[in-house]
């Protein structure tokens, strides 16, 4: 989700190009691999492998820390684990159902802009300060379970949106028509017009409720509502992708 980006001008490799159809017999030196698969390329295999491995490691470590801190404040490391899982799923679902867009940036780790990084850093800061200044507020099971419920609903909706849209899904608002694009009205799109926005909205708000971040929960809800409202209005002027 490059949820905070609005262009998709970099062309993806076409499955019909000679380089993408090239095969190699056993024992032949595969020196003619497409350049975009090499380090530094848009689909660099080393970059994909490194990011996937790091996200998996951080997620596992965070879940282990959450279990260790289960009697104090497990929500903080759990938040980091949930964030790691979200970014991994952004790439994996893209690679599985929309392979031509499975670039390194599909992890959306660094392509969301400064606002995205600031938002999550602020959430971690509020949670840390609250746990130190108001330790009695660390354990509030109703908020934790409500937040987890919204996270699951949001993640499921977004994942299904990316799956059911397939090649019609884009992390960006399309500014030009692409051949083969169509309006998706099956699957989760039969129930929600913008399921990926719906999913991300409740996923993000749910993380803040789970953490017990009152300030960030309100700010996230207000900012994302305004952002997606403006993006939907802008999207109607450039039809061609489903989100």
C-alpha atoms as a PDB file:
ATOM      1  CA  UNK A   1       0.000   0.000   0.000  1.00  0.00           C
ATOM      2  CA  UNK A   2       1.802   2.809  -0.866  1.00  0.00           C
ATOM      3  CA  UNK A   3      -1.139   4.440   0.824  1.00  0.00           C
ATOM      4  CA  UNK A   4       0.549   7.832   0.836  1.00  0.00           C
ATOM      5  CA  UNK A   5       1.691   7.778  -2.794  1.00  0.00           C
ATOM      6  CA  UNK A   6      -0.259   8.872  -5.844  1.00  0.00           C
ATOM      7  CA  UNK A   7       1.625   7.909  -8.993  1.00  0.00           C
ATOM      8  CA  UNK A   8       2.436   4.718 -10.859  1.00  0.00           C
ATOM      9  CA  UNK A   9       4.596   5.954 -13.668  1.00  0.00           C
ATOM     10  CA  UNK A  10       7.311   3.310 -13.555  1.00  0.00           C
ATOM     11  CA  UNK A  11       6.475   0.627 -16.076  1.00  0.00           C
ATOM     12  CA  UNK A  12       6.399  -2.971 -14.928  1.00  0.00           C
ATOM     13  CA  UNK A  13       8.086  -5.646 -17.043  1.00  0.00           C
ATOM     14  CA  UNK A  14       5.769  -7.135 -19.604  1.00  0.00           C
ATOM     15  CA  UNK A  15       5.251 -10.906 -19.487  1.00  0.00           C
ATOM     16  CA  UNK A  16       5.495 -10.843 -23.289  1.00  0.00           C
ATOM     17  CA  UNK A  17       9.037  -9.511 -23.528  1.00  0.00           C
ATOM     18  CA  UNK A  18      11.754 -11.791 -24.806  1.00  0.00           C
ATOM     19  CA  UNK A  19      13.817 -11.464 -21.623  1.00  0.00           C
ATOM     20  CA  UNK A  20      10.940 -12.551 -19.381  1.00  0.00           C
ATOM     21  CA  UNK A  21      10.259 -15.609 -21.554  1.00  0.00           C
ATOM     22  CA  UNK A  22      13.874 -16.729 -21.721  1.00  0.00           C
ATOM     23  CA  UNK A  23      14.555 -20.189 -20.282  1.00  0.00           C
ATOM     24  CA  UNK A  24      17.831 -21.965 -19.662  1.00  0.00           C
ATOM     25  CA  UNK A  25      18.770 -25.586 -20.140  1.00  0.00           C
ATOM     26  CA  UNK A  26      20.371 -27.431 -17.245  1.00  0.00           C
ATOM     27  CA  UNK A  27      24.023 -26.550 -16.963  1.00  0.00           C
ATOM     28  CA  UNK A  28      23.777 -23.450 -19.150  1.00  0.00           C
ATOM     29  CA  UNK A  29      25.129 -20.253 -17.612  1.00  0.00           C
ATOM     30  CA  UNK A  30      22.080 -18.020 -16.887  1.00  0.00           C
ATOM     31  CA  UNK A  31      23.818 -14.760 -17.741  1.00  0.00           C
ATOM     32  CA  UNK A  32      20.843 -13.351 -19.655  1.00  0.00           C
ATOM     33  CA  UNK A  33      18.540 -12.892 -16.661  1.00  0.00           C
ATOM     34  CA  UNK A  34      16.597  -9.626 -16.897  1.00  0.00           C
ATOM     35  CA  UNK A  35      18.485  -6.692 -15.408  1.00  0.00           C
ATOM     36  CA  UNK A  36      15.615  -5.857 -13.078  1.00  0.00           C
ATOM     37  CA  UNK A  37      16.245  -9.106 -11.145  1.00  0.00           C
ATOM     38  CA  UNK A  38      19.805  -8.159 -10.253  1.00  0.00           C
ATOM     39  CA  UNK A  39      20.806  -6.062  -7.202  1.00  0.00           C
ATOM     40  CA  UNK A  40      19.517  -2.544  -7.550  1.00  0.00           C
ATOM     41  CA  UNK A  41      16.756  -3.543  -9.965  1.00  0.00           C
ATOM     42  CA  UNK A  42      13.061  -2.915  -9.343  1.00  0.00           C
ATOM     43  CA  UNK A  43      12.502  -6.650  -8.804  1.00  0.00           C
ATOM     44  CA  UNK A  44      15.927  -7.388  -7.258  1.00  0.00           C
ATOM     45  CA  UNK A  45      15.863 -10.908  -5.809  1.00  0.00           C
ATOM     46  CA  UNK A  46      18.410 -10.093  -3.116  1.00  0.00           C
ATOM     47  CA  UNK A  47      16.343  -7.130  -1.945  1.00  0.00           C
ATOM     48  CA  UNK A  48      13.176  -9.217  -1.777  1.00  0.00           C
ATOM     49  CA  UNK A  49      14.889 -12.043   0.111  1.00  0.00           C
ATOM     50  CA  UNK A  50      16.537  -9.690   2.599  1.00  0.00           C
ATOM     51  CA  UNK A  51      13.333  -7.811   3.397  1.00  0.00           C
ATOM     52  CA  UNK A  52      11.283 -10.979   3.761  1.00  0.00           C
ATOM     53  CA  UNK A  53      13.875 -12.526   6.079  1.00  0.00           C
ATOM     54  CA  UNK A  54      14.145  -9.392   8.232  1.00  0.00           C
ATOM     55  CA  UNK A  55      10.384  -9.029   8.540  1.00  0.00           C
ATOM     56  CA  UNK A  56      10.033 -12.678   9.515  1.00  0.00           C
ATOM     57  CA  UNK A  57      12.789 -12.355  12.118  1.00  0.00           C
ATOM     58  CA  UNK A  58      11.314  -9.167  13.617  1.00  0.00           C
ATOM     59  CA  UNK A  59       7.823 -10.680  13.682  1.00  0.00           C
ATOM     60  CA  UNK A  60       9.009 -13.857  15.440  1.00  0.00           C
ATOM     61  CA  UNK A  61      11.141 -11.893  17.916  1.00  0.00           C
ATOM     62  CA  UNK A  62       8.237  -9.542  18.675  1.00  0.00           C
ATOM     63  CA  UNK A  63       5.788 -12.370  19.290  1.00  0.00           C
ATOM     64  CA  UNK A  64       8.326 -14.015  21.599  1.00  0.00           C
ATOM     65  CA  UNK A  65       8.770 -10.734  23.498  1.00  0.00           C
ATOM     66  CA  UNK A  66       4.995 -10.301  23.736  1.00  0.00           C
ATOM     67  CA  UNK A  67       4.701 -13.744  25.309  1.00  0.00           C
ATOM     68  CA  UNK A  68       7.535 -12.986  27.729  1.00  0.00           C
ATOM     69  CA  UNK A  69       5.845  -9.713  28.736  1.00  0.00           C
ATOM     70  CA  UNK A  70       2.349 -11.209  28.847  1.00  0.00           C
ATOM     71  CA  UNK A  71       1.884 -10.222  32.477  1.00  0.00           C
ATOM     72  CA  UNK A  72       2.992  -6.597  31.968  1.00  0.00           C
ATOM     73  CA  UNK A  73       2.671  -4.844  28.594  1.00  0.00           C
ATOM     74  CA  UNK A  74       2.681  -7.354  25.687  1.00  0.00           C
ATOM     75  CA  UNK A  75       0.829  -4.920  23.406  1.00  0.00           C
ATOM     76  CA  UNK A  76       3.984  -2.938  22.555  1.00  0.00           C
ATOM     77  CA  UNK A  77       6.047  -5.804  21.055  1.00  0.00           C
ATOM     78  CA  UNK A  78       2.843  -7.278  19.619  1.00  0.00           C
ATOM     79  CA  UNK A  79       2.318  -4.030  17.708  1.00  0.00           C
ATOM     80  CA  UNK A  80       5.760  -4.364  16.123  1.00  0.00           C
ATOM     81  CA  UNK A  81       5.010  -7.973  15.189  1.00  0.00           C
ATOM     82  CA  UNK A  82       1.665  -7.026  13.640  1.00  0.00           C
ATOM     83  CA  UNK A  83       3.336  -4.227  11.678  1.00  0.00           C
ATOM     84  CA  UNK A  84       5.976  -6.647  10.374  1.00  0.00           C
ATOM     85  CA  UNK A  85       3.325  -9.178   9.342  1.00  0.00           C
ATOM     86  CA  UNK A  86       1.345  -6.480   7.536  1.00  0.00           C
ATOM     87  CA  UNK A  87       4.319  -5.420   5.417  1.00  0.00           C
ATOM     88  CA  UNK A  88       5.213  -9.007   4.587  1.00  0.00           C
ATOM     89  CA  UNK A  89       1.642  -9.730   3.484  1.00  0.00           C
ATOM     90  CA  UNK A  90       1.621  -6.628   1.270  1.00  0.00           C
ATOM     91  CA  UNK A  91       4.417  -8.159  -0.785  1.00  0.00           C
ATOM     92  CA  UNK A  92       3.335 -11.798  -0.616  1.00  0.00           C
ATOM     93  CA  UNK A  93      -0.235 -11.167  -1.781  1.00  0.00           C
ATOM     94  CA  UNK A  94       1.085  -8.940  -4.556  1.00  0.00           C
ATOM     95  CA  UNK A  95       3.567 -11.617  -5.651  1.00  0.00           C
ATOM     96  CA  UNK A  96       0.903 -14.347  -5.531  1.00  0.00           C
ATOM     97  CA  UNK A  97      -1.982 -12.585  -7.285  1.00  0.00           C
ATOM     98  CA  UNK A  98      -0.428  -9.601  -9.090  1.00  0.00           C
ATOM     99  CA  UNK A  99       3.071 -10.809  -9.932  1.00  0.00           C
ATOM    100  CA  UNK A 100       3.945  -8.106 -12.450  1.00  0.00           C
ATOM    101  CA  UNK A 101       3.798  -5.550  -9.628  1.00  0.00           C
ATOM    102  CA  UNK A 102       5.848  -7.597  -7.157  1.00  0.00           C
ATOM    103  CA  UNK A 103       8.675  -5.109  -7.005  1.00  0.00           C
ATOM    104  CA  UNK A 104      10.926  -4.626  -4.000  1.00  0.00           C
ATOM    105  CA  UNK A 105       8.859  -1.549  -3.133  1.00  0.00           C
ATOM    106  CA  UNK A 106       5.721  -3.735  -2.814  1.00  0.00           C
ATOM    107  CA  UNK A 107       6.766  -4.320   0.805  1.00  0.00           C
ATOM    108  CA  UNK A 108       5.929  -0.591   1.158  1.00  0.00           C
ATOM    109  CA  UNK A 109       8.583  -0.225   3.846  1.00  0.00           C
ATOM    110  CA  UNK A 110      10.072   3.003   2.513  1.00  0.00           C
ATOM    111  CA  UNK A 111       7.661   4.116  -0.229  1.00  0.00           C
ATOM    112  CA  UNK A 112       4.913   5.508   2.000  1.00  0.00           C
ATOM    113  CA  UNK A 113       6.592   8.814   2.661  1.00  0.00           C
ATOM    114  CA  UNK A 114       7.582  10.568   5.864  1.00  0.00           C
ATOM    115  CA  UNK A 115       4.023  10.835   7.211  1.00  0.00           C
ATOM    116  CA  UNK A 116       3.708   7.063   7.480  1.00  0.00           C
ATOM    117  CA  UNK A 117       6.991   6.653   9.382  1.00  0.00           C
ATOM    118  CA  UNK A 118       6.220   9.576  11.672  1.00  0.00           C
ATOM    119  CA  UNK A 119       2.780   8.165  12.464  1.00  0.00           C
ATOM    120  CA  UNK A 120       4.095   4.784  13.610  1.00  0.00           C
ATOM    121  CA  UNK A 121       7.046   6.313  15.466  1.00  0.00           C
ATOM    122  CA  UNK A 122       4.615   8.600  17.304  1.00  0.00           C
ATOM    123  CA  UNK A 123       2.417   5.616  18.177  1.00  0.00           C
ATOM    124  CA  UNK A 124       5.393   3.795  19.689  1.00  0.00           C
ATOM    125  CA  UNK A 125       6.385   6.928  21.599  1.00  0.00           C
ATOM    126  CA  UNK A 126       2.899   7.447  23.047  1.00  0.00           C
ATOM    127  CA  UNK A 127       2.714   3.799  24.092  1.00  0.00           C
ATOM    128  CA  UNK A 128       6.144   3.936  25.760  1.00  0.00           C
ATOM    129  CA  UNK A 129       5.433   7.202  27.590  1.00  0.00           C
ATOM    130  CA  UNK A 130       2.021   5.995  28.734  1.00  0.00           C
ATOM    131  CA  UNK A 131       3.445   2.730  30.064  1.00  0.00           C
ATOM    132  CA  UNK A 132       6.016   4.685  32.099  1.00  0.00           C
ATOM    133  CA  UNK A 133       3.863   7.567  33.367  1.00  0.00           C
ATOM    134  CA  UNK A 134       0.592   5.657  33.758  1.00  0.00           C
ATOM    135  CA  UNK A 135       1.593   2.024  34.305  1.00  0.00           C
ATOM    136  CA  UNK A 136      -1.891   1.202  35.594  1.00  0.00           C
ATOM    137  CA  UNK A 137      -3.251   1.809  32.076  1.00  0.00           C
ATOM    138  CA  UNK A 138      -1.030  -0.823  30.470  1.00  0.00           C
ATOM    139  CA  UNK A 139      -3.473  -3.608  31.138  1.00  0.00           C
ATOM    140  CA  UNK A 140      -6.927  -2.845  29.807  1.00  0.00           C
ATOM    141  CA  UNK A 141      -8.235  -6.084  28.264  1.00  0.00           C
ATOM    142  CA  UNK A 142     -11.366  -4.613  26.669  1.00  0.00           C
ATOM    143  CA  UNK A 143      -9.314  -2.174  24.569  1.00  0.00           C
ATOM    144  CA  UNK A 144      -6.746  -4.846  23.751  1.00  0.00           C
ATOM    145  CA  UNK A 145      -9.308  -7.374  22.514  1.00  0.00           C
ATOM    146  CA  UNK A 146     -11.300  -4.744  20.616  1.00  0.00           C
ATOM    147  CA  UNK A 147      -8.120  -3.553  18.930  1.00  0.00           C
ATOM    148  CA  UNK A 148      -7.095  -7.100  18.005  1.00  0.00           C
ATOM    149  CA  UNK A 149     -10.560  -7.743  16.564  1.00  0.00           C
ATOM    150  CA  UNK A 150     -10.333  -4.639  14.358  1.00  0.00           C
ATOM    151  CA  UNK A 151      -6.811  -5.597  13.288  1.00  0.00           C
ATOM    152  CA  UNK A 152      -7.965  -9.048  12.166  1.00  0.00           C
ATOM    153  CA  UNK A 153     -10.995  -7.604  10.343  1.00  0.00           C
ATOM    154  CA  UNK A 154      -8.881  -4.939   8.663  1.00  0.00           C
ATOM    155  CA  UNK A 155      -6.059  -7.271   7.640  1.00  0.00           C
ATOM    156  CA  UNK A 156      -8.538  -9.830   6.270  1.00  0.00           C
ATOM    157  CA  UNK A 157     -10.449  -7.221   4.262  1.00  0.00           C
ATOM    158  CA  UNK A 158      -7.291  -5.757   2.753  1.00  0.00           C
ATOM    159  CA  UNK A 159      -5.816  -9.155   1.914  1.00  0.00           C
ATOM    160  CA  UNK A 160      -9.042 -10.278   0.233  1.00  0.00           C
ATOM    161  CA  UNK A 161      -9.213  -6.987  -1.671  1.00  0.00           C
ATOM    162  CA  UNK A 162      -5.735  -7.528  -3.109  1.00  0.00           C
ATOM    163  CA  UNK A 163      -6.510 -11.166  -3.920  1.00  0.00           C
ATOM    164  CA  UNK A 164      -9.873 -10.594  -5.592  1.00  0.00           C
ATOM    165  CA  UNK A 165      -8.687  -7.554  -7.560  1.00  0.00           C
ATOM    166  CA  UNK A 166      -5.664  -9.484  -8.836  1.00  0.00           C
ATOM    167  CA  UNK A 167      -3.891  -7.629 -11.627  1.00  0.00           C
ATOM    168  CA  UNK A 168      -6.380  -4.762 -11.289  1.00  0.00           C
ATOM    169  CA  UNK A 169      -5.002  -3.850  -7.861  1.00  0.00           C
ATOM    170  CA  UNK A 170      -2.446  -1.103  -7.536  1.00  0.00           C
ATOM    171  CA  UNK A 171      -0.792   0.480  -4.534  1.00  0.00           C
ATOM    172  CA  UNK A 172      -1.065   3.748  -6.410  1.00  0.00           C
ATOM    173  CA  UNK A 173      -3.827   5.829  -7.915  1.00  0.00           C
ATOM    174  CA  UNK A 174      -3.533   5.114 -11.638  1.00  0.00           C
ATOM    175  CA  UNK A 175      -3.084   8.247 -13.736  1.00  0.00           C
ATOM    176  CA  UNK A 176      -3.455   6.473 -17.077  1.00  0.00           C
ATOM    177  CA  UNK A 177      -5.568   3.651 -18.444  1.00  0.00           C
ATOM    178  CA  UNK A 178      -3.909   0.235 -18.665  1.00  0.00           C
ATOM    179  CA  UNK A 179      -5.100  -2.381 -21.116  1.00  0.00           C
ATOM    180  CA  UNK A 180      -6.924  -5.243 -19.415  1.00  0.00           C
ATOM    181  CA  UNK A 181      -8.038  -3.262 -16.387  1.00  0.00           C
ATOM    182  CA  UNK A 182     -11.646  -3.707 -15.397  1.00  0.00           C
ATOM    183  CA  UNK A 183     -13.941  -2.728 -12.559  1.00  0.00           C
ATOM    184  CA  UNK A 184     -14.020  -5.594 -10.062  1.00  0.00           C
ATOM    185  CA  UNK A 185     -17.442  -6.324  -8.584  1.00  0.00           C
ATOM    186  CA  UNK A 186     -17.013  -9.895  -7.365  1.00  0.00           C
ATOM    187  CA  UNK A 187     -15.674 -11.369  -4.135  1.00  0.00           C
ATOM    188  CA  UNK A 188     -15.276  -8.812  -1.384  1.00  0.00           C
ATOM    189  CA  UNK A 189     -15.913  -6.074  -3.963  1.00  0.00           C
ATOM    190  CA  UNK A 190     -19.518  -7.255  -4.148  1.00  0.00           C
ATOM    191  CA  UNK A 191     -19.870  -6.084  -0.535  1.00  0.00           C
ATOM    192  CA  UNK A 192     -17.474  -3.140  -0.289  1.00  0.00           C
ATOM    193  CA  UNK A 193     -16.523  -0.618  -2.972  1.00  0.00           C
ATOM    194  CA  UNK A 194     -13.115   0.188  -1.463  1.00  0.00           C
ATOM    195  CA  UNK A 195     -12.230  -2.863   0.685  1.00  0.00           C
ATOM    196  CA  UNK A 196      -8.490  -2.160   0.799  1.00  0.00           C
ATOM    197  CA  UNK A 197      -9.140   1.329   2.179  1.00  0.00           C
ATOM    198  CA  UNK A 198     -11.710  -0.083   4.589  1.00  0.00           C
ATOM    199  CA  UNK A 199      -9.231  -2.757   5.663  1.00  0.00           C
ATOM    200  CA  UNK A 200      -6.294  -0.451   6.179  1.00  0.00           C
ATOM    201  CA  UNK A 201      -8.402   2.117   8.004  1.00  0.00           C
ATOM    202  CA  UNK A 202      -9.660  -0.316  10.641  1.00  0.00           C
ATOM    203  CA  UNK A 203      -6.324  -2.134  10.818  1.00  0.00           C
ATOM    204  CA  UNK A 204      -4.514   1.130  11.625  1.00  0.00           C
ATOM    205  CA  UNK A 205      -7.123   2.376  14.101  1.00  0.00           C
ATOM    206  CA  UNK A 206      -7.226  -1.085  15.686  1.00  0.00           C
ATOM    207  CA  UNK A 207      -3.483  -1.032  16.372  1.00  0.00           C
ATOM    208  CA  UNK A 208      -3.855   2.182  18.346  1.00  0.00           C
ATOM    209  CA  UNK A 209      -6.824   0.902  20.315  1.00  0.00           C
ATOM    210  CA  UNK A 210      -4.886  -2.264  21.124  1.00  0.00           C
ATOM    211  CA  UNK A 211      -1.985  -0.152  22.400  1.00  0.00           C
ATOM    212  CA  UNK A 212      -4.347   2.016  24.420  1.00  0.00           C
ATOM    213  CA  UNK A 213      -3.135   5.104  22.560  1.00  0.00           C
ATOM    214  CA  UNK A 214      -6.014   7.528  22.975  1.00  0.00           C
ATOM    215  CA  UNK A 215      -4.346  10.437  21.183  1.00  0.00           C
ATOM    216  CA  UNK A 216      -3.001   8.424  18.246  1.00  0.00           C
ATOM    217  CA  UNK A 217      -6.280   6.522  17.873  1.00  0.00           C
ATOM    218  CA  UNK A 218      -8.176   9.783  17.378  1.00  0.00           C
ATOM    219  CA  UNK A 219      -5.508  11.289  15.106  1.00  0.00           C
ATOM    220  CA  UNK A 220      -5.185   8.116  13.002  1.00  0.00           C
ATOM    221  CA  UNK A 221      -8.960   7.897  12.575  1.00  0.00           C
ATOM    222  CA  UNK A 222      -9.342  11.546  11.557  1.00  0.00           C
ATOM    223  CA  UNK A 223      -6.310  11.696   9.276  1.00  0.00           C
ATOM    224  CA  UNK A 224      -7.015   8.427   7.456  1.00  0.00           C
ATOM    225  CA  UNK A 225     -10.665   9.328   6.955  1.00  0.00           C
ATOM    226  CA  UNK A 226      -9.641  12.611   5.335  1.00  0.00           C
ATOM    227  CA  UNK A 227      -6.835  10.980   3.326  1.00  0.00           C
ATOM    228  CA  UNK A 228      -8.948   8.186   1.873  1.00  0.00           C
ATOM    229  CA  UNK A 229     -11.876  10.510   1.220  1.00  0.00           C
ATOM    230  CA  UNK A 230      -9.622  12.784  -0.841  1.00  0.00           C
ATOM    231  CA  UNK A 231      -7.989   9.829  -2.562  1.00  0.00           C
ATOM    232  CA  UNK A 232     -11.332   8.339  -3.588  1.00  0.00           C
ATOM    233  CA  UNK A 233     -12.389  11.706  -5.042  1.00  0.00           C
ATOM    234  CA  UNK A 234      -9.100  11.911  -6.944  1.00  0.00           C
ATOM    235  CA  UNK A 235      -9.442   8.320  -8.104  1.00  0.00           C
ATOM    236  CA  UNK A 236     -12.768   9.010  -9.816  1.00  0.00           C
ATOM    237  CA  UNK A 237     -10.861  11.389 -12.066  1.00  0.00           C
ATOM    238  CA  UNK A 238      -8.392   8.634 -13.017  1.00  0.00           C
ATOM    239  CA  UNK A 239     -10.293   5.317 -13.199  1.00  0.00           C
ATOM    240  CA  UNK A 240      -8.354   2.170 -13.866  1.00  0.00           C
ATOM    241  CA  UNK A 241      -7.369   0.477 -10.622  1.00  0.00           C
ATOM    242  CA  UNK A 242      -9.229  -1.144  -7.758  1.00  0.00           C
ATOM    243  CA  UNK A 243      -8.195  -0.665  -4.181  1.00  0.00           C
END
